[in-house]
Amino acid sequence: MFDILAVTLLIILALVLAVLEIFFLPGITIAGICSVLFYGGGIYYAYSAFGTNGAVITLFIAAVTTIAVIIGFMRSRSLDKMSLHTEISSVVPSPITPILKSATWE
């Protein structure tokens, strides 16, 4: 029973960190690296506790769940509520330099 709980918690923590990395933290951060480590740790622990079949089932469930959560989060209104909807209408005046037509390169 402890093995199932440990693998589940590792995968859930990895999933939360992956969502944070993809949607909220720009670039490759500690959350992304830890997410990969927790996924690997969960799969490795499932392999050592349940054997090859258990690890393959755990890997499949983790992959499907991760894809479903990411797609669900992208389709939800959560990102739309957080996004910026204002438009910039001001411009910065810049001097235009004339092109020299008399310069020839010989």
PDB file of N, CA and C in Angstrom:
ATOM      1  N   MET A   1       0.829  -1.194   0.000  1.00  0.00           N
ATOM      2  CA  MET A   1       0.000   0.000   0.000  1.00  0.00           C
ATOM      3  C   MET A   1       0.875   1.261   0.000  1.00  0.00           C
ATOM      4  N   PHE A   2       1.983   1.220   0.757  1.00  0.00           N
ATOM      5  CA  PHE A   2       2.870   2.374   0.799  1.00  0.00           C
ATOM      6  C   PHE A   2       3.507   2.623  -0.567  1.00  0.00           C
ATOM      7  N   ASP A   3       3.808   1.539  -1.301  1.00  0.00           N
ATOM      8  CA  ASP A   3       4.444   1.684  -2.607  1.00  0.00           C
ATOM      9  C   ASP A   3       3.547   2.422  -3.585  1.00  0.00           C
ATOM     10  N   ILE A   4       2.281   2.080  -3.598  1.00  0.00           N
ATOM     11  CA  ILE A   4       1.328   2.750  -4.501  1.00  0.00           C
ATOM     12  C   ILE A   4       1.204   4.220  -4.131  1.00  0.00           C
ATOM     13  N   LEU A   5       1.134   4.508  -2.852  1.00  0.00           N
ATOM     14  CA  LEU A   5       1.023   5.895  -2.388  1.00  0.00           C
ATOM     15  C   LEU A   5       2.274   6.695  -2.741  1.00  0.00           C
ATOM     16  N   ALA A   6       3.435   6.100  -2.575  1.00  0.00           N
ATOM     17  CA  ALA A   6       4.688   6.803  -2.883  1.00  0.00           C
ATOM     18  C   ALA A   6       4.800   7.109  -4.373  1.00  0.00           C
ATOM     19  N   VAL A   7       4.476   6.129  -5.209  1.00  0.00           N
ATOM     20  CA  VAL A   7       4.541   6.347  -6.658  1.00  0.00           C
ATOM     21  C   VAL A   7       3.520   7.404  -7.076  1.00  0.00           C
ATOM     22  N   THR A   8       2.320   7.333  -6.527  1.00  0.00           N
ATOM     23  CA  THR A   8       1.268   8.311  -6.866  1.00  0.00           C
ATOM     24  C   THR A   8       1.679   9.718  -6.460  1.00  0.00           C
ATOM     25  N   LEU A   9       2.231   9.876  -5.276  1.00  0.00           N
ATOM     26  CA  LEU A   9       2.648  11.210  -4.831  1.00  0.00           C
ATOM     27  C   LEU A   9       3.798  11.759  -5.679  1.00  0.00           C
ATOM     28  N   LEU A  10       4.737  10.913  -6.049  1.00  0.00           N
ATOM     29  CA  LEU A  10       5.838  11.366  -6.908  1.00  0.00           C
ATOM     30  C   LEU A  10       5.318  11.821  -8.274  1.00  0.00           C
ATOM     31  N   ILE A  11       4.398  11.070  -8.856  1.00  0.00           N
ATOM     32  CA  ILE A  11       3.862  11.428 -10.167  1.00  0.00           C
ATOM     33  C   ILE A  11       3.008  12.693 -10.078  1.00  0.00           C
ATOM     34  N   ILE A  12       2.205  12.829  -9.025  1.00  0.00           N
ATOM     35  CA  ILE A  12       1.373  14.038  -8.866  1.00  0.00           C
ATOM     36  C   ILE A  12       2.253  15.266  -8.664  1.00  0.00           C
ATOM     37  N   LEU A  13       3.287  15.136  -7.859  1.00  0.00           N
ATOM     38  CA  LEU A  13       4.204  16.267  -7.660  1.00  0.00           C
ATOM     39  C   LEU A  13       4.913  16.632  -8.959  1.00  0.00           C
ATOM     40  N   ALA A  14       5.310  15.629  -9.723  1.00  0.00           N
ATOM     41  CA  ALA A  14       5.941  15.885 -11.021  1.00  0.00           C
ATOM     42  C   ALA A  14       4.966  16.565 -11.969  1.00  0.00           C
ATOM     43  N   LEU A  15       3.708  16.163 -11.941  1.00  0.00           N
ATOM     44  CA  LEU A  15       2.690  16.770 -12.805  1.00  0.00           C
ATOM     45  C   LEU A  15       2.457  18.232 -12.452  1.00  0.00           C
ATOM     46  N   VAL A  16       2.374  18.529 -11.173  1.00  0.00           N
ATOM     47  CA  VAL A  16       2.187  19.918 -10.736  1.00  0.00           C
ATOM     48  C   VAL A  16       3.379  20.776 -11.154  1.00  0.00           C
ATOM     49  N   LEU A  17       4.574  20.264 -10.965  1.00  0.00           N
ATOM     50  CA  LEU A  17       5.761  21.018 -11.364  1.00  0.00           C
ATOM     51  C   LEU A  17       5.846  21.191 -12.878  1.00  0.00           C
ATOM     52  N   ALA A  18       5.402  20.198 -13.640  1.00  0.00           N
ATOM     53  CA  ALA A  18       5.408  20.316 -15.104  1.00  0.00           C
ATOM     54  C   ALA A  18       4.434  21.388 -15.563  1.00  0.00           C
ATOM     55  N   VAL A  19       3.253  21.450 -14.957  1.00  0.00           N
ATOM     56  CA  VAL A  19       2.284  22.487 -15.322  1.00  0.00           C
ATOM     57  C   VAL A  19       2.819  23.863 -14.946  1.00  0.00           C
ATOM     58  N   LEU A  20       3.441  23.981 -13.782  1.00  0.00           N
ATOM     59  CA  LEU A  20       4.055  25.257 -13.408  1.00  0.00           C
ATOM     60  C   LEU A  20       5.138  25.666 -14.401  1.00  0.00           C
ATOM     61  N   GLU A  21       5.941  24.720 -14.811  1.00  0.00           N
ATOM     62  CA  GLU A  21       7.033  25.010 -15.741  1.00  0.00           C
ATOM     63  C   GLU A  21       6.502  25.450 -17.097  1.00  0.00           C
ATOM     64  N   ILE A  22       5.494  24.779 -17.586  1.00  0.00           N
ATOM     65  CA  ILE A  22       4.994  25.070 -18.939  1.00  0.00           C
ATOM     66  C   ILE A  22       4.241  26.389 -18.988  1.00  0.00           C
ATOM     67  N   PHE A  23       3.400  26.652 -18.002  1.00  0.00           N
ATOM     68  CA  PHE A  23       2.494  27.791 -18.111  1.00  0.00           C
ATOM     69  C   PHE A  23       2.900  29.025 -17.313  1.00  0.00           C
ATOM     70  N   PHE A  24       3.673  28.880 -16.264  1.00  0.00           N
ATOM     71  CA  PHE A  24       3.917  30.024 -15.400  1.00  0.00           C
ATOM     72  C   PHE A  24       5.373  30.451 -15.298  1.00  0.00           C
ATOM     73  N   LEU A  25       6.302  29.537 -15.431  1.00  0.00           N
ATOM     74  CA  LEU A  25       7.714  29.875 -15.265  1.00  0.00           C
ATOM     75  C   LEU A  25       8.415  29.830 -16.619  1.00  0.00           C
ATOM     76  N   PRO A  26       8.968  30.946 -17.063  1.00  0.00           N
ATOM     77  CA  PRO A  26       9.603  30.955 -18.381  1.00  0.00           C
ATOM     78  C   PRO A  26      10.957  30.255 -18.371  1.00  0.00           C
ATOM     79  N   GLY A  27      11.254  29.588 -19.463  1.00  0.00           N
ATOM     80  CA  GLY A  27      12.559  28.953 -19.610  1.00  0.00           C
ATOM     81  C   GLY A  27      12.661  27.641 -18.856  1.00  0.00           C
ATOM     82  N   ILE A  28      13.871  27.159 -18.754  1.00  0.00           N
ATOM     83  CA  ILE A  28      14.126  25.929 -18.011  1.00  0.00           C
ATOM     84  C   ILE A  28      14.521  26.339 -16.595  1.00  0.00           C
ATOM     85  N   THR A  29      13.680  25.993 -15.641  1.00  0.00           N
ATOM     86  CA  THR A  29      13.929  26.392 -14.262  1.00  0.00           C
ATOM     87  C   THR A  29      14.075  25.155 -13.385  1.00  0.00           C
ATOM     88  N   ILE A  30      14.204  25.414 -12.094  1.00  0.00           N
ATOM     89  CA  ILE A  30      14.313  24.335 -11.123  1.00  0.00           C
ATOM     90  C   ILE A  30      13.057  23.463 -11.159  1.00  0.00           C
ATOM     91  N   ALA A  31      11.891  24.065 -11.402  1.00  0.00           N
ATOM     92  CA  ALA A  31      10.645  23.292 -11.436  1.00  0.00           C
ATOM     93  C   ALA A  31      10.664  22.272 -12.569  1.00  0.00           C
ATOM     94  N   GLY A  32      11.170  22.637 -13.717  1.00  0.00           N
ATOM     95  CA  GLY A  32      11.238  21.701 -14.835  1.00  0.00           C
ATOM     96  C   GLY A  32      12.208  20.570 -14.583  1.00  0.00           C
ATOM     97  N   ILE A  33      13.351  20.904 -14.018  1.00  0.00           N
ATOM     98  CA  ILE A  33      14.344  19.881 -13.716  1.00  0.00           C
ATOM     99  C   ILE A  33      13.822  18.929 -12.638  1.00  0.00           C
ATOM    100  N   CYS A  34      13.198  19.487 -11.605  1.00  0.00           N
ATOM    101  CA  CYS A  34      12.621  18.651 -10.542  1.00  0.00           C
ATOM    102  C   CYS A  34      11.469  17.812 -11.060  1.00  0.00           C
ATOM    103  N   SER A  35      10.700  18.352 -11.981  1.00  0.00           N
ATOM    104  CA  SER A  35       9.609  17.582 -12.562  1.00  0.00           C
ATOM    105  C   SER A  35      10.129  16.343 -13.272  1.00  0.00           C
ATOM    106  N   VAL A  36      11.163  16.505 -14.058  1.00  0.00           N
ATOM    107  CA  VAL A  36      11.757  15.360 -14.753  1.00  0.00           C
ATOM    108  C   VAL A  36      12.324  14.358 -13.742  1.00  0.00           C
ATOM    109  N   LEU A  37      12.960  14.867 -12.696  1.00  0.00           N
ATOM    110  CA  LEU A  37      13.512  13.975 -11.676  1.00  0.00           C
ATOM    111  C   LEU A  37      12.417  13.214 -10.924  1.00  0.00           C
ATOM    112  N   PHE A  38      11.313  13.897 -10.607  1.00  0.00           N
ATOM    113  CA  PHE A  38      10.216  13.222  -9.910  1.00  0.00           C
ATOM    114  C   PHE A  38       9.517  12.201 -10.805  1.00  0.00           C
ATOM    115  N   TYR A  39       9.358  12.527 -12.087  1.00  0.00           N
ATOM    116  CA  TYR A  39       8.811  11.525 -13.017  1.00  0.00           C
ATOM    117  C   TYR A  39       9.725  10.302 -13.075  1.00  0.00           C
ATOM    118  N   GLY A  40      11.009  10.538 -13.221  1.00  0.00           N
ATOM    119  CA  GLY A  40      11.962   9.441 -13.271  1.00  0.00           C
ATOM    120  C   GLY A  40      11.989   8.646 -11.976  1.00  0.00           C
ATOM    121  N   GLY A  41      11.928   9.340 -10.847  1.00  0.00           N
ATOM    122  CA  GLY A  41      11.909   8.664  -9.555  1.00  0.00           C
ATOM    123  C   GLY A  41      10.656   7.825  -9.355  1.00  0.00           C
ATOM    124  N   GLY A  42       9.527   8.356  -9.789  1.00  0.00           N
ATOM    125  CA  GLY A  42       8.281   7.607  -9.674  1.00  0.00           C
ATOM    126  C   GLY A  42       8.274   6.359 -10.537  1.00  0.00           C
ATOM    127  N   ILE A  43       8.766   6.493 -11.762  1.00  0.00           N
ATOM    128  CA  ILE A  43       8.830   5.332 -12.661  1.00  0.00           C
ATOM    129  C   ILE A  43       9.851   4.325 -12.151  1.00  0.00           C
ATOM    130  N   TYR A  44      10.988   4.807 -11.677  1.00  0.00           N
ATOM    131  CA  TYR A  44      12.010   3.898 -11.143  1.00  0.00           C
ATOM    132  C   TYR A  44      11.501   3.160  -9.901  1.00  0.00           C
ATOM    133  N   TYR A  45      10.803   3.886  -9.028  1.00  0.00           N
ATOM    134  CA  TYR A  45      10.268   3.250  -7.824  1.00  0.00           C
ATOM    135  C   TYR A  45       9.187   2.237  -8.188  1.00  0.00           C
ATOM    136  N   ALA A  46       8.374   2.563  -9.200  1.00  0.00           N
ATOM    137  CA  ALA A  46       7.367   1.599  -9.663  1.00  0.00           C
ATOM    138  C   ALA A  46       8.044   0.365 -10.246  1.00  0.00           C
ATOM    139  N   TYR A  47       9.148   0.559 -10.947  1.00  0.00           N
ATOM    140  CA  TYR A  47       9.883  -0.579 -11.509  1.00  0.00           C
ATOM    141  C   TYR A  47      10.460  -1.456 -10.402  1.00  0.00           C
ATOM    142  N   SER A  48      11.029  -0.827  -9.393  1.00  0.00           N
ATOM    143  CA  SER A  48      11.638  -1.625  -8.320  1.00  0.00           C
ATOM    144  C   SER A  48      10.591  -2.278  -7.422  1.00  0.00           C
ATOM    145  N   ALA A  49       9.427  -1.652  -7.267  1.00  0.00           N
ATOM    146  CA  ALA A  49       8.406  -2.200  -6.376  1.00  0.00           C
ATOM    147  C   ALA A  49       7.467  -3.173  -7.081  1.00  0.00           C
ATOM    148  N   PHE A  50       7.122  -2.901  -8.341  1.00  0.00           N
ATOM    149  CA  PHE A  50       6.092  -3.690  -9.032  1.00  0.00           C
ATOM    150  C   PHE A  50       6.612  -4.475 -10.221  1.00  0.00           C
ATOM    151  N   GLY A  51       7.868  -4.296 -10.591  1.00  0.00           N
ATOM    152  CA  GLY A  51       8.421  -5.019 -11.727  1.00  0.00           C
ATOM    153  C   GLY A  51       8.199  -4.266 -13.033  1.00  0.00           C
ATOM    154  N   THR A  52       8.526  -4.946 -14.124  1.00  0.00           N
ATOM    155  CA  THR A  52       8.459  -4.311 -15.439  1.00  0.00           C
ATOM    156  C   THR A  52       7.030  -3.957 -15.828  1.00  0.00           C
ATOM    157  N   ASN A  53       6.089  -4.861 -15.597  1.00  0.00           N
ATOM    158  CA  ASN A  53       4.694  -4.579 -15.970  1.00  0.00           C
ATOM    159  C   ASN A  53       4.139  -3.394 -15.190  1.00  0.00           C
ATOM    160  N   GLY A  54       4.443  -3.327 -13.915  1.00  0.00           N
ATOM    161  CA  GLY A  54       3.977  -2.204 -13.109  1.00  0.00           C
ATOM    162  C   GLY A  54       4.579  -0.889 -13.556  1.00  0.00           C
ATOM    163  N   ALA A  55       5.848  -0.907 -13.950  1.00  0.00           N
ATOM    164  CA  ALA A  55       6.502   0.313 -14.414  1.00  0.00           C
ATOM    165  C   ALA A  55       5.921   0.773 -15.745  1.00  0.00           C
ATOM    166  N   VAL A  56       5.627  -0.162 -16.642  1.00  0.00           N
ATOM    167  CA  VAL A  56       5.049   0.205 -17.936  1.00  0.00           C
ATOM    168  C   VAL A  56       3.644   0.772 -17.743  1.00  0.00           C
ATOM    169  N   ILE A  57       2.865   0.161 -16.876  1.00  0.00           N
ATOM    170  CA  ILE A  57       1.518   0.678 -16.599  1.00  0.00           C
ATOM    171  C   ILE A  57       1.599   2.056 -15.959  1.00  0.00           C
ATOM    172  N   THR A  58       2.517   2.229 -15.018  1.00  0.00           N
ATOM    173  CA  THR A  58       2.702   3.529 -14.378  1.00  0.00           C
ATOM    174  C   THR A  58       3.150   4.581 -15.386  1.00  0.00           C
ATOM    175  N   LEU A  59       4.059   4.232 -16.262  1.00  0.00           N
ATOM    176  CA  LEU A  59       4.526   5.163 -17.291  1.00  0.00           C
ATOM    177  C   LEU A  59       3.389   5.559 -18.226  1.00  0.00           C
ATOM    178  N   PHE A  60       2.585   4.600 -18.630  1.00  0.00           N
ATOM    179  CA  PHE A  60       1.454   4.888 -19.517  1.00  0.00           C
ATOM    180  C   PHE A  60       0.437   5.798 -18.831  1.00  0.00           C
ATOM    181  N   ILE A  61       0.093   5.482 -17.588  1.00  0.00           N
ATOM    182  CA  ILE A  61      -0.880   6.303 -16.858  1.00  0.00           C
ATOM    183  C   ILE A  61      -0.333   7.712 -16.633  1.00  0.00           C
ATOM    184  N   ALA A  62       0.954   7.832 -16.302  1.00  0.00           N
ATOM    185  CA  ALA A  62       1.558   9.149 -16.082  1.00  0.00           C
ATOM    186  C   ALA A  62       1.571   9.966 -17.368  1.00  0.00           C
ATOM    187  N   ALA A  63       1.896   9.337 -18.499  1.00  0.00           N
ATOM    188  CA  ALA A  63       1.937  10.064 -19.771  1.00  0.00           C
ATOM    189  C   ALA A  63       0.545  10.527 -20.186  1.00  0.00           C
ATOM    190  N   VAL A  64      -0.436   9.645 -20.095  1.00  0.00           N
ATOM    191  CA  VAL A  64      -1.805  10.005 -20.487  1.00  0.00           C
ATOM    192  C   VAL A  64      -2.353  11.092 -19.568  1.00  0.00           C
ATOM    193  N   THR A  65      -2.100  10.967 -18.272  1.00  0.00           N
ATOM    194  CA  THR A  65      -2.576  11.972 -17.317  1.00  0.00           C
ATOM    195  C   THR A  65      -1.915  13.323 -17.560  1.00  0.00           C
ATOM    196  N   THR A  66      -0.627  13.325 -17.821  1.00  0.00           N
ATOM    197  CA  THR A  66       0.078  14.581 -18.081  1.00  0.00           C
ATOM    198  C   THR A  66      -0.453  15.268 -19.330  1.00  0.00           C
ATOM    199  N   ILE A  67      -0.638  14.520 -20.385  1.00  0.00           N
ATOM    200  CA  ILE A  67      -1.169  15.095 -21.624  1.00  0.00           C
ATOM    201  C   ILE A  67      -2.589  15.612 -21.413  1.00  0.00           C
ATOM    202  N   ALA A  68      -3.413  14.850 -20.694  1.00  0.00           N
ATOM    203  CA  ALA A  68      -4.792  15.274 -20.446  1.00  0.00           C
ATOM    204  C   ALA A  68      -4.852  16.531 -19.591  1.00  0.00           C
ATOM    205  N   VAL A  69      -4.004  16.624 -18.582  1.00  0.00           N
ATOM    206  CA  VAL A  69      -4.003  17.811 -17.720  1.00  0.00           C
ATOM    207  C   VAL A  69      -3.521  19.035 -18.483  1.00  0.00           C
ATOM    208  N   ILE A  70      -2.490  18.890 -19.293  1.00  0.00           N
ATOM    209  CA  ILE A  70      -1.975  20.031 -20.058  1.00  0.00           C
ATOM    210  C   ILE A  70      -3.016  20.500 -21.081  1.00  0.00           C
ATOM    211  N   ILE A  71      -3.644  19.578 -21.792  1.00  0.00           N
ATOM    212  CA  ILE A  71      -4.680  19.962 -22.759  1.00  0.00           C
ATOM    213  C   ILE A  71      -5.878  20.571 -22.043  1.00  0.00           C
ATOM    214  N   GLY A  72      -6.271  19.984 -20.923  1.00  0.00           N
ATOM    215  CA  GLY A  72      -7.393  20.538 -20.159  1.00  0.00           C
ATOM    216  C   GLY A  72      -7.103  21.924 -19.626  1.00  0.00           C
ATOM    217  N   PHE A  73      -5.872  22.149 -19.188  1.00  0.00           N
ATOM    218  CA  PHE A  73      -5.509  23.470 -18.685  1.00  0.00           C
ATOM    219  C   PHE A  73      -5.470  24.497 -19.806  1.00  0.00           C
ATOM    220  N   MET A  74      -5.044  24.076 -20.997  1.00  0.00           N
ATOM    221  CA  MET A  74      -5.011  25.006 -22.124  1.00  0.00           C
ATOM    222  C   MET A  74      -6.420  25.356 -22.593  1.00  0.00           C
ATOM    223  N   ARG A  75      -7.351  24.437 -22.505  1.00  0.00           N
ATOM    224  CA  ARG A  75      -8.721  24.703 -22.947  1.00  0.00           C
ATOM    225  C   ARG A  75      -9.564  25.408 -21.889  1.00  0.00           C
ATOM    226  N   SER A  76      -9.127  25.408 -20.658  1.00  0.00           N
ATOM    227  CA  SER A  76      -9.912  26.039 -19.602  1.00  0.00           C
ATOM    228  C   SER A  76      -9.821  27.554 -19.716  1.00  0.00           C
ATOM    229  N   ARG A  77     -10.665  28.212 -19.000  1.00  0.00           N
ATOM    230  CA  ARG A  77     -10.677  29.682 -19.020  1.00  0.00           C
ATOM    231  C   ARG A  77      -9.649  30.267 -18.051  1.00  0.00           C
ATOM    232  N   SER A  78      -8.892  29.438 -17.386  1.00  0.00           N
ATOM    233  CA  SER A  78      -7.926  29.932 -16.406  1.00  0.00           C
ATOM    234  C   SER A  78      -6.861  30.802 -17.054  1.00  0.00           C
ATOM    235  N   LEU A  79      -6.332  30.364 -18.182  1.00  0.00           N
ATOM    236  CA  LEU A  79      -5.311  31.158 -18.859  1.00  0.00           C
ATOM    237  C   LEU A  79      -5.892  32.432 -19.463  1.00  0.00           C
ATOM    238  N   ASP A  80      -7.138  32.380 -19.910  1.00  0.00           N
ATOM    239  CA  ASP A  80      -7.762  33.556 -20.491  1.00  0.00           C
ATOM    240  C   ASP A  80      -7.986  34.628 -19.427  1.00  0.00           C
ATOM    241  N   LYS A  81      -8.296  34.221 -18.208  1.00  0.00           N
ATOM    242  CA  LYS A  81      -8.492  35.183 -17.127  1.00  0.00           C
ATOM    243  C   LYS A  81      -7.182  35.845 -16.716  1.00  0.00           C
ATOM    244  N   MET A  82      -6.069  35.141 -16.879  1.00  0.00           N
ATOM    245  CA  MET A  82      -4.774  35.680 -16.471  1.00  0.00           C
ATOM    246  C   MET A  82      -4.082  36.475 -17.566  1.00  0.00           C
ATOM    247  N   SER A  83      -4.538  36.343 -18.800  1.00  0.00           N
ATOM    248  CA  SER A  83      -3.827  36.985 -19.907  1.00  0.00           C
ATOM    249  C   SER A  83      -4.139  38.474 -19.972  1.00  0.00           C
ATOM    250  N   LEU A  84      -3.255  39.197 -20.588  1.00  0.00           N
ATOM    251  CA  LEU A  84      -3.377  40.635 -20.732  1.00  0.00           C
ATOM    252  C   LEU A  84      -4.191  40.943 -21.979  1.00  0.00           C
ATOM    253  N   HIS A  85      -5.242  41.756 -21.834  1.00  0.00           N
ATOM    254  CA  HIS A  85      -6.143  42.042 -22.948  1.00  0.00           C
ATOM    255  C   HIS A  85      -6.063  43.482 -23.443  1.00  0.00           C
ATOM    256  N   THR A  86      -5.152  44.284 -22.937  1.00  0.00           N
ATOM    257  CA  THR A  86      -5.058  45.673 -23.374  1.00  0.00           C
ATOM    258  C   THR A  86      -4.192  45.782 -24.617  1.00  0.00           C
ATOM    259  N   GLU A  87      -4.465  46.800 -25.391  1.00  0.00           N
ATOM    260  CA  GLU A  87      -3.688  47.049 -26.594  1.00  0.00           C
ATOM    261  C   GLU A  87      -2.888  48.327 -26.408  1.00  0.00           C
ATOM    262  N   ILE A  88      -1.700  48.358 -26.933  1.00  0.00           N
ATOM    263  CA  ILE A  88      -0.863  49.547 -26.868  1.00  0.00           C
ATOM    264  C   ILE A  88      -1.174  50.394 -28.096  1.00  0.00           C
ATOM    265  N   SER A  89      -1.674  51.600 -27.851  1.00  0.00           N
ATOM    266  CA  SER A  89      -2.045  52.470 -28.970  1.00  0.00           C
ATOM    267  C   SER A  89      -1.089  53.649 -29.137  1.00  0.00           C
ATOM    268  N   SER A  90      -0.141  53.810 -28.253  1.00  0.00           N
ATOM    269  CA  SER A  90       0.781  54.935 -28.364  1.00  0.00           C
ATOM    270  C   SER A  90       1.991  54.541 -29.200  1.00  0.00           C
ATOM    271  N   VAL A  91       2.612  55.548 -29.786  1.00  0.00           N
ATOM    272  CA  VAL A  91       3.804  55.315 -30.593  1.00  0.00           C
ATOM    273  C   VAL A  91       4.914  56.234 -30.108  1.00  0.00           C
ATOM    274  N   VAL A  92       6.113  55.856 -30.340  1.00  0.00           N
ATOM    275  CA  VAL A  92       7.268  56.667 -29.982  1.00  0.00           C
ATOM    276  C   VAL A  92       7.739  57.369 -31.252  1.00  0.00           C
ATOM    277  N   PRO A  93       7.800  58.708 -31.243  1.00  0.00           N
ATOM    278  CA  PRO A  93       8.284  59.397 -32.438  1.00  0.00           C
ATOM    279  C   PRO A  93       9.770  59.130 -32.654  1.00  0.00           C
ATOM    280  N   SER A  94      10.118  58.854 -33.872  1.00  0.00           N
ATOM    281  CA  SER A  94      11.524  58.608 -34.173  1.00  0.00           C
ATOM    282  C   SER A  94      11.932  59.463 -35.363  1.00  0.00           C
ATOM    283  N   PRO A  95      13.113  60.018 -35.312  1.00  0.00           N
ATOM    284  CA  PRO A  95      13.561  60.833 -36.447  1.00  0.00           C
ATOM    285  C   PRO A  95      13.890  59.938 -37.641  1.00  0.00           C
ATOM    286  N   ILE A  96      13.482  60.405 -38.803  1.00  0.00           N
ATOM    287  CA  ILE A  96      13.757  59.656 -40.028  1.00  0.00           C
ATOM    288  C   ILE A  96      14.943  60.312 -40.708  1.00  0.00           C
ATOM    289  N   THR A  97      15.958  59.539 -40.950  1.00  0.00           N
ATOM    290  CA  THR A  97      17.136  60.088 -41.605  1.00  0.00           C
ATOM    291  C   THR A  97      16.971  59.933 -43.111  1.00  0.00           C
ATOM    292  N   PRO A  98      17.293  60.997 -43.867  1.00  0.00           N
ATOM    293  CA  PRO A  98      17.154  60.901 -45.322  1.00  0.00           C
ATOM    294  C   PRO A  98      18.229  59.987 -45.908  1.00  0.00           C
ATOM    295  N   ILE A  99      17.875  59.324 -46.964  1.00  0.00           N
ATOM    296  CA  ILE A  99      18.816  58.447 -47.655  1.00  0.00           C
ATOM    297  C   ILE A  99      19.663  59.304 -48.583  1.00  0.00           C
ATOM    298  N   LEU A 100      20.971  59.144 -48.518  1.00  0.00           N
ATOM    299  CA  LEU A 100      21.868  59.925 -49.347  1.00  0.00           C
ATOM    300  C   LEU A 100      21.897  59.335 -50.748  1.00  0.00           C
ATOM    301  N   LYS A 101      21.394  60.091 -51.713  1.00  0.00           N
ATOM    302  CA  LYS A 101      21.392  59.609 -53.086  1.00  0.00           C
ATOM    303  C   LYS A 101      22.672  59.983 -53.829  1.00  0.00           C
ATOM    304  N   SER A 102      23.367  60.963 -53.325  1.00  0.00           N
ATOM    305  CA  SER A 102      24.527  61.430 -54.046  1.00  0.00           C
ATOM    306  C   SER A 102      25.779  60.586 -53.792  1.00  0.00           C
ATOM    307  N   ALA A 103      25.730  59.739 -52.834  1.00  0.00           N
ATOM    308  CA  ALA A 103      26.904  58.904 -52.518  1.00  0.00           C
ATOM    309  C   ALA A 103      26.998  57.767 -53.517  1.00  0.00           C
ATOM    310  N   THR A 104      28.112  57.740 -54.195  1.00  0.00           N
ATOM    311  CA  THR A 104      28.358  56.636 -55.123  1.00  0.00           C
ATOM    312  C   THR A 104      29.642  55.938 -54.735  1.00  0.00           C
ATOM    313  N   TRP A 105      29.670  54.689 -54.944  1.00  0.00           N
ATOM    314  CA  TRP A 105      30.838  53.905 -54.622  1.00  0.00           C
ATOM    315  C   TRP A 105      31.546  53.565 -55.909  1.00  0.00           C
ATOM    316  N   GLU A 106      32.706  54.096 -56.051  1.00  0.00           N
ATOM    317  CA  GLU A 106      33.450  53.865 -57.297  1.00  0.00           C
ATOM    318  C   GLU A 106      34.700  53.101 -57.052  1.00  0.00           C
TER     319      GLU A 106
END
